[in-house]
Amino acid sequence: MREHREVKGEVLRDRILQLESEHDDLDRLIERMCGTSDYDDLELQKLKRRKLKLKDNIILLQLQLEPDSTKTSNGHA
């Protein structure tokens, strides 16, 4: 069982790194688009929404990796 948790943790960490990389790429793309005068507002909004969804997914995965530290070992607050 411990080995399964370790593998799951490794998979979660890898996925978090992938999502963080994509988030950073989108951040740079958004910054470049905003630096020009001929960007598409609709496309920019889509990219910003995608970036927010990525951040939400990263947070959810991090919570799975590191459960709420306010709970005691028996699962109660």
PDB file of N, CA and C in Angstrom:
ATOM      1  N   MET A   1       0.825  -1.201   0.000  1.00  0.00           N
ATOM      2  CA  MET A   1       0.000   0.000   0.000  1.00  0.00           C
ATOM      3  C   MET A   1       0.861   1.254   0.000  1.00  0.00           C
ATOM      4  N   ARG A   2       1.938   1.229   0.769  1.00  0.00           N
ATOM      5  CA  ARG A   2       2.830   2.384   0.835  1.00  0.00           C
ATOM      6  C   ARG A   2       3.455   2.645  -0.534  1.00  0.00           C
ATOM      7  N   GLU A   3       3.823   1.553  -1.219  1.00  0.00           N
ATOM      8  CA  GLU A   3       4.422   1.680  -2.549  1.00  0.00           C
ATOM      9  C   GLU A   3       3.425   2.312  -3.521  1.00  0.00           C
ATOM     10  N   HIS A   4       2.165   1.940  -3.428  1.00  0.00           N
ATOM     11  CA  HIS A   4       1.119   2.521  -4.277  1.00  0.00           C
ATOM     12  C   HIS A   4       1.005   4.025  -4.044  1.00  0.00           C
ATOM     13  N   ARG A   5       1.050   4.441  -2.776  1.00  0.00           N
ATOM     14  CA  ARG A   5       0.981   5.874  -2.444  1.00  0.00           C
ATOM     15  C   ARG A   5       2.186   6.624  -3.005  1.00  0.00           C
ATOM     16  N   GLU A   6       3.356   5.987  -2.950  1.00  0.00           N
ATOM     17  CA  GLU A   6       4.564   6.621  -3.473  1.00  0.00           C
ATOM     18  C   GLU A   6       4.473   6.807  -4.981  1.00  0.00           C
ATOM     19  N   VAL A   7       3.958   5.793  -5.676  1.00  0.00           N
ATOM     20  CA  VAL A   7       3.787   5.887  -7.125  1.00  0.00           C
ATOM     21  C   VAL A   7       2.762   6.958  -7.462  1.00  0.00           C
ATOM     22  N   LYS A   8       1.653   6.978  -6.737  1.00  0.00           N
ATOM     23  CA  LYS A   8       0.627   7.989  -6.975  1.00  0.00           C
ATOM     24  C   LYS A   8       1.192   9.390  -6.726  1.00  0.00           C
ATOM     25  N   GLY A   9       1.976   9.539  -5.664  1.00  0.00           N
ATOM     26  CA  GLY A   9       2.594  10.825  -5.364  1.00  0.00           C
ATOM     27  C   GLY A   9       3.531  11.263  -6.475  1.00  0.00           C
ATOM     28  N   GLU A  10       4.270  10.317  -7.008  1.00  0.00           N
ATOM     29  CA  GLU A  10       5.192  10.618  -8.105  1.00  0.00           C
ATOM     30  C   GLU A  10       4.426  11.051  -9.355  1.00  0.00           C
ATOM     31  N   VAL A  11       3.351  10.364  -9.649  1.00  0.00           N
ATOM     32  CA  VAL A  11       2.513  10.701 -10.804  1.00  0.00           C
ATOM     33  C   VAL A  11       1.907  12.090 -10.619  1.00  0.00           C
ATOM     34  N   LEU A  12       1.422  12.380  -9.421  1.00  0.00           N
ATOM     35  CA  LEU A  12       0.850  13.704  -9.143  1.00  0.00           C
ATOM     36  C   LEU A  12       1.896  14.797  -9.294  1.00  0.00           C
ATOM     37  N   ARG A  13       3.093  14.570  -8.769  1.00  0.00           N
ATOM     38  CA  ARG A  13       4.160  15.575  -8.891  1.00  0.00           C
ATOM     39  C   ARG A  13       4.528  15.823 -10.355  1.00  0.00           C
ATOM     40  N   ASP A  14       4.605  14.744 -11.132  1.00  0.00           N
ATOM     41  CA  ASP A  14       4.911  14.893 -12.560  1.00  0.00           C
ATOM     42  C   ASP A  14       3.829  15.699 -13.274  1.00  0.00           C
ATOM     43  N   ARG A  15       2.579  15.408 -12.962  1.00  0.00           N
ATOM     44  CA  ARG A  15       1.469  16.123 -13.603  1.00  0.00           C
ATOM     45  C   ARG A  15       1.462  17.593 -13.183  1.00  0.00           C
ATOM     46  N   ILE A  16       1.745  17.853 -11.928  1.00  0.00           N
ATOM     47  CA  ILE A  16       1.818  19.240 -11.445  1.00  0.00           C
ATOM     48  C   ILE A  16       2.895  19.996 -12.215  1.00  0.00           C
ATOM     49  N   LEU A  17       4.056  19.370 -12.411  1.00  0.00           N
ATOM     50  CA  LEU A  17       5.140  20.015 -13.147  1.00  0.00           C
ATOM     51  C   LEU A  17       4.732  20.305 -14.589  1.00  0.00           C
ATOM     52  N   GLN A  18       4.021  19.378 -15.219  1.00  0.00           N
ATOM     53  CA  GLN A  18       3.545  19.597 -16.580  1.00  0.00           C
ATOM     54  C   GLN A  18       2.583  20.782 -16.644  1.00  0.00           C
ATOM     55  N   LEU A  19       1.647  20.807 -15.706  1.00  0.00           N
ATOM     56  CA  LEU A  19       0.659  21.889 -15.690  1.00  0.00           C
ATOM     57  C   LEU A  19       1.310  23.228 -15.375  1.00  0.00           C
ATOM     58  N   GLU A  20       2.283  23.228 -14.468  1.00  0.00           N
ATOM     59  CA  GLU A  20       2.992  24.474 -14.147  1.00  0.00           C
ATOM     60  C   GLU A  20       3.762  24.992 -15.358  1.00  0.00           C
ATOM     61  N   SER A  21       4.341  24.095 -16.119  1.00  0.00           N
ATOM     62  CA  SER A  21       5.064  24.489 -17.325  1.00  0.00           C
ATOM     63  C   SER A  21       4.103  25.107 -18.346  1.00  0.00           C
ATOM     64  N   GLU A  22       2.958  24.457 -18.540  1.00  0.00           N
ATOM     65  CA  GLU A  22       1.952  24.993 -19.456  1.00  0.00           C
ATOM     66  C   GLU A  22       1.433  26.344 -18.968  1.00  0.00           C
ATOM     67  N   HIS A  23       1.240  26.474 -17.663  1.00  0.00           N
ATOM     68  CA  HIS A  23       0.781  27.732 -17.066  1.00  0.00           C
ATOM     69  C   HIS A  23       1.799  28.841 -17.330  1.00  0.00           C
ATOM     70  N   ASP A  24       3.079  28.539 -17.136  1.00  0.00           N
ATOM     71  CA  ASP A  24       4.133  29.519 -17.376  1.00  0.00           C
ATOM     72  C   ASP A  24       4.198  29.912 -18.852  1.00  0.00           C
ATOM     73  N   ASP A  25       4.044  28.926 -19.740  1.00  0.00           N
ATOM     74  CA  ASP A  25       4.041  29.218 -21.176  1.00  0.00           C
ATOM     75  C   ASP A  25       2.889  30.156 -21.539  1.00  0.00           C
ATOM     76  N   LEU A  26       1.719  29.878 -20.999  1.00  0.00           N
ATOM     77  CA  LEU A  26       0.564  30.744 -21.255  1.00  0.00           C
ATOM     78  C   LEU A  26       0.794  32.144 -20.703  1.00  0.00           C
ATOM     79  N   ASP A  27       1.401  32.225 -19.542  1.00  0.00           N
ATOM     80  CA  ASP A  27       1.685  33.522 -18.935  1.00  0.00           C
ATOM     81  C   ASP A  27       2.575  34.360 -19.856  1.00  0.00           C
ATOM     82  N   ARG A  28       3.614  33.728 -20.387  1.00  0.00           N
ATOM     83  CA  ARG A  28       4.515  34.442 -21.300  1.00  0.00           C
ATOM     84  C   ARG A  28       3.794  34.843 -22.584  1.00  0.00           C
ATOM     85  N   LEU A  29       2.964  33.950 -23.113  1.00  0.00           N
ATOM     86  CA  LEU A  29       2.212  34.255 -24.330  1.00  0.00           C
ATOM     87  C   LEU A  29       1.255  35.422 -24.105  1.00  0.00           C
ATOM     88  N   ILE A  30       0.571  35.421 -22.987  1.00  0.00           N
ATOM     89  CA  ILE A  30      -0.359  36.504 -22.652  1.00  0.00           C
ATOM     90  C   ILE A  30       0.397  37.825 -22.530  1.00  0.00           C
ATOM     91  N   GLU A  31       1.547  37.791 -21.879  1.00  0.00           N
ATOM     92  CA  GLU A  31       2.352  39.012 -21.744  1.00  0.00           C
ATOM     93  C   GLU A  31       2.778  39.543 -23.112  1.00  0.00           C
ATOM     94  N   ARG A  32       3.195  38.631 -23.996  1.00  0.00           N
ATOM     95  CA  ARG A  32       3.601  39.059 -25.345  1.00  0.00           C
ATOM     96  C   ARG A  32       2.425  39.652 -26.104  1.00  0.00           C
ATOM     97  N   MET A  33       1.264  39.009 -25.990  1.00  0.00           N
ATOM     98  CA  MET A  33       0.082  39.512 -26.693  1.00  0.00           C
ATOM     99  C   MET A  33      -0.301  40.901 -26.195  1.00  0.00           C
ATOM    100  N   CYS A  34      -0.240  41.095 -24.899  1.00  0.00           N
ATOM    101  CA  CYS A  34      -0.606  42.390 -24.326  1.00  0.00           C
ATOM    102  C   CYS A  34       0.395  43.475 -24.721  1.00  0.00           C
ATOM    103  N   GLY A  35       1.583  43.082 -25.086  1.00  0.00           N
ATOM    104  CA  GLY A  35       2.605  44.031 -25.490  1.00  0.00           C
ATOM    105  C   GLY A  35       2.460  44.509 -26.921  1.00  0.00           C
ATOM    106  N   THR A  36       1.508  43.949 -27.643  1.00  0.00           N
ATOM    107  CA  THR A  36       1.272  44.382 -29.016  1.00  0.00           C
ATOM    108  C   THR A  36      -0.057  45.115 -29.094  1.00  0.00           C
ATOM    109  N   SER A  37      -0.233  45.868 -30.152  1.00  0.00           N
ATOM    110  CA  SER A  37      -1.474  46.641 -30.293  1.00  0.00           C
ATOM    111  C   SER A  37      -2.523  45.907 -31.122  1.00  0.00           C
ATOM    112  N   ASP A  38      -2.133  44.812 -31.747  1.00  0.00           N
ATOM    113  CA  ASP A  38      -3.077  44.137 -32.654  1.00  0.00           C
ATOM    114  C   ASP A  38      -3.497  42.744 -32.180  1.00  0.00           C
ATOM    115  N   TYR A  39      -3.613  42.574 -30.861  1.00  0.00           N
ATOM    116  CA  TYR A  39      -4.030  41.262 -30.357  1.00  0.00           C
ATOM    117  C   TYR A  39      -5.555  41.129 -30.402  1.00  0.00           C
ATOM    118  N   ASP A  40      -6.004  39.889 -30.451  1.00  0.00           N
ATOM    119  CA  ASP A  40      -7.425  39.549 -30.491  1.00  0.00           C
ATOM    120  C   ASP A  40      -7.947  39.441 -29.055  1.00  0.00           C
ATOM    121  N   ASP A  41      -8.884  40.323 -28.700  1.00  0.00           N
ATOM    122  CA  ASP A  41      -9.439  40.320 -27.333  1.00  0.00           C
ATOM    123  C   ASP A  41     -10.041  38.973 -26.959  1.00  0.00           C
ATOM    124  N   LEU A  42     -10.776  38.370 -27.884  1.00  0.00           N
ATOM    125  CA  LEU A  42     -11.421  37.089 -27.601  1.00  0.00           C
ATOM    126  C   LEU A  42     -10.373  36.000 -27.342  1.00  0.00           C
ATOM    127  N   GLU A  43      -9.349  35.973 -28.169  1.00  0.00           N
ATOM    128  CA  GLU A  43      -8.284  34.985 -27.983  1.00  0.00           C
ATOM    129  C   GLU A  43      -7.561  35.206 -26.659  1.00  0.00           C
ATOM    130  N   LEU A  44      -7.316  36.444 -26.324  1.00  0.00           N
ATOM    131  CA  LEU A  44      -6.660  36.766 -25.060  1.00  0.00           C
ATOM    132  C   LEU A  44      -7.505  36.292 -23.870  1.00  0.00           C
ATOM    133  N   GLN A  45      -8.791  36.509 -23.924  1.00  0.00           N
ATOM    134  CA  GLN A  45      -9.683  36.063 -22.844  1.00  0.00           C
ATOM    135  C   GLN A  45      -9.691  34.543 -22.724  1.00  0.00           C
ATOM    136  N   LYS A  46      -9.671  33.849 -23.864  1.00  0.00           N
ATOM    137  CA  LYS A  46      -9.618  32.380 -23.845  1.00  0.00           C
ATOM    138  C   LYS A  46      -8.331  31.893 -23.183  1.00  0.00           C
ATOM    139  N   LEU A  47      -7.222  32.542 -23.519  1.00  0.00           N
ATOM    140  CA  LEU A  47      -5.941  32.161 -22.928  1.00  0.00           C
ATOM    141  C   LEU A  47      -5.933  32.410 -21.423  1.00  0.00           C
ATOM    142  N   LYS A  48      -6.500  33.520 -21.005  1.00  0.00           N
ATOM    143  CA  LYS A  48      -6.559  33.831 -19.568  1.00  0.00           C
ATOM    144  C   LYS A  48      -7.439  32.827 -18.824  1.00  0.00           C
ATOM    145  N   ARG A  49      -8.560  32.437 -19.431  1.00  0.00           N
ATOM    146  CA  ARG A  49      -9.417  31.421 -18.797  1.00  0.00           C
ATOM    147  C   ARG A  49      -8.689  30.089 -18.694  1.00  0.00           C
ATOM    148  N   ARG A  50      -7.978  29.728 -19.753  1.00  0.00           N
ATOM    149  CA  ARG A  50      -7.214  28.485 -19.739  1.00  0.00           C
ATOM    150  C   ARG A  50      -6.149  28.518 -18.638  1.00  0.00           C
ATOM    151  N   LYS A  51      -5.497  29.657 -18.498  1.00  0.00           N
ATOM    152  CA  LYS A  51      -4.469  29.814 -17.463  1.00  0.00           C
ATOM    153  C   LYS A  51      -5.075  29.647 -16.068  1.00  0.00           C
ATOM    154  N   LEU A  52      -6.253  30.222 -15.846  1.00  0.00           N
ATOM    155  CA  LEU A  52      -6.925  30.085 -14.552  1.00  0.00           C
ATOM    156  C   LEU A  52      -7.331  28.636 -14.279  1.00  0.00           C
ATOM    157  N   LYS A  53      -7.819  27.946 -15.316  1.00  0.00           N
ATOM    158  CA  LYS A  53      -8.186  26.535 -15.149  1.00  0.00           C
ATOM    159  C   LYS A  53      -6.965  25.694 -14.807  1.00  0.00           C
ATOM    160  N   LEU A  54      -5.861  26.001 -15.446  1.00  0.00           N
ATOM    161  CA  LEU A  54      -4.622  25.279 -15.127  1.00  0.00           C
ATOM    162  C   LEU A  54      -4.232  25.490 -13.675  1.00  0.00           C
ATOM    163  N   LYS A  55      -4.319  26.732 -13.217  1.00  0.00           N
ATOM    164  CA  LYS A  55      -3.976  27.039 -11.819  1.00  0.00           C
ATOM    165  C   LYS A  55      -4.890  26.273 -10.861  1.00  0.00           C
ATOM    166  N   ASP A  56      -6.185  26.239 -11.183  1.00  0.00           N
ATOM    167  CA  ASP A  56      -7.132  25.482 -10.351  1.00  0.00           C
ATOM    168  C   ASP A  56      -6.761  24.003 -10.307  1.00  0.00           C
ATOM    169  N   ASN A  57      -6.413  23.443 -11.475  1.00  0.00           N
ATOM    170  CA  ASN A  57      -6.025  22.032 -11.526  1.00  0.00           C
ATOM    171  C   ASN A  57      -4.752  21.774 -10.733  1.00  0.00           C
ATOM    172  N   ILE A  58      -3.815  22.689 -10.813  1.00  0.00           N
ATOM    173  CA  ILE A  58      -2.565  22.554 -10.049  1.00  0.00           C
ATOM    174  C   ILE A  58      -2.874  22.523  -8.554  1.00  0.00           C
ATOM    175  N   ILE A  59      -3.719  23.420  -8.106  1.00  0.00           N
ATOM    176  CA  ILE A  59      -4.079  23.479  -6.687  1.00  0.00           C
ATOM    177  C   ILE A  59      -4.773  22.195  -6.256  1.00  0.00           C
ATOM    178  N   LEU A  60      -5.695  21.698  -7.065  1.00  0.00           N
ATOM    179  CA  LEU A  60      -6.393  20.451  -6.722  1.00  0.00           C
ATOM    180  C   LEU A  60      -5.422  19.282  -6.607  1.00  0.00           C
ATOM    181  N   LEU A  61      -4.482  19.193  -7.516  1.00  0.00           N
ATOM    182  CA  LEU A  61      -3.499  18.113  -7.451  1.00  0.00           C
ATOM    183  C   LEU A  61      -2.587  18.269  -6.239  1.00  0.00           C
ATOM    184  N   GLN A  62      -2.208  19.499  -5.927  1.00  0.00           N
ATOM    185  CA  GLN A  62      -1.371  19.727  -4.749  1.00  0.00           C
ATOM    186  C   GLN A  62      -2.106  19.329  -3.478  1.00  0.00           C
ATOM    187  N   LEU A  63      -3.404  19.565  -3.431  1.00  0.00           N
ATOM    188  CA  LEU A  63      -4.190  19.160  -2.264  1.00  0.00           C
ATOM    189  C   LEU A  63      -4.246  17.641  -2.138  1.00  0.00           C
ATOM    190  N   GLN A  64      -4.281  16.938  -3.263  1.00  0.00           N
ATOM    191  CA  GLN A  64      -4.261  15.475  -3.219  1.00  0.00           C
ATOM    192  C   GLN A  64      -2.904  14.975  -2.734  1.00  0.00           C
ATOM    193  N   LEU A  65      -1.874  15.685  -3.129  1.00  0.00           N
ATOM    194  CA  LEU A  65      -0.519  15.293  -2.762  1.00  0.00           C
ATOM    195  C   LEU A  65      -0.234  15.579  -1.292  1.00  0.00           C
ATOM    196  N   GLU A  66      -0.743  16.722  -0.809  1.00  0.00           N
ATOM    197  CA  GLU A  66      -0.522  17.140   0.573  1.00  0.00           C
ATOM    198  C   GLU A  66      -1.866  17.460   1.222  1.00  0.00           C
ATOM    199  N   PRO A  67      -2.554  16.452   1.732  1.00  0.00           N
ATOM    200  CA  PRO A  67      -3.871  16.691   2.341  1.00  0.00           C
ATOM    201  C   PRO A  67      -3.819  17.748   3.437  1.00  0.00           C
ATOM    202  N   ASP A  68      -4.957  18.297   3.739  1.00  0.00           N
ATOM    203  CA  ASP A  68      -5.104  19.359   4.741  1.00  0.00           C
ATOM    204  C   ASP A  68      -4.371  19.000   6.026  1.00  0.00           C
ATOM    205  N   SER A  69      -3.427  19.828   6.384  1.00  0.00           N
ATOM    206  CA  SER A  69      -2.619  19.562   7.576  1.00  0.00           C
ATOM    207  C   SER A  69      -3.363  19.871   8.879  1.00  0.00           C
ATOM    208  N   THR A  70      -4.590  20.421   8.776  1.00  0.00           N
ATOM    209  CA  THR A  70      -5.350  20.701  10.002  1.00  0.00           C
ATOM    210  C   THR A  70      -6.037  19.462  10.542  1.00  0.00           C
ATOM    211  N   LYS A  71      -6.085  18.394   9.752  1.00  0.00           N
ATOM    212  CA  LYS A  71      -6.713  17.153  10.216  1.00  0.00           C
ATOM    213  C   LYS A  71      -5.706  16.367  11.046  1.00  0.00           C
ATOM    214  N   THR A  72      -6.228  15.669  12.034  1.00  0.00           N
ATOM    215  CA  THR A  72      -5.370  14.810  12.845  1.00  0.00           C
ATOM    216  C   THR A  72      -5.163  13.506  12.114  1.00  0.00           C
ATOM    217  N   SER A  73      -4.343  12.643  12.656  1.00  0.00           N
ATOM    218  CA  SER A  73      -4.028  11.379  12.002  1.00  0.00           C
ATOM    219  C   SER A  73      -5.243  10.466  11.840  1.00  0.00           C
ATOM    220  N   ASN A  74      -6.292  10.661  12.652  1.00  0.00           N
ATOM    221  CA  ASN A  74      -7.475   9.820  12.508  1.00  0.00           C
ATOM    222  C   ASN A  74      -8.515  10.445  11.572  1.00  0.00           C
ATOM    223  N   GLY A  75      -8.156  11.563  10.909  1.00  0.00           N
ATOM    224  CA  GLY A  75      -9.034  12.164   9.924  1.00  0.00           C
ATOM    225  C   GLY A  75      -9.988  13.194  10.449  1.00  0.00           C
ATOM    226  N   HIS A  76      -9.923  13.542  11.739  1.00  0.00           N
ATOM    227  CA  HIS A  76     -10.814  14.542  12.318  1.00  0.00           C
ATOM    228  C   HIS A  76     -10.060  15.820  12.628  1.00  0.00           C
ATOM    229  N   ALA A  77     -10.778  16.926  12.547  1.00  0.00           N
ATOM    230  CA  ALA A  77     -10.153  18.223  12.841  1.00  0.00           C
ATOM    231  C   ALA A  77     -10.020  18.426  14.325  1.00  0.00           C
TER     232      ALA A  77
END
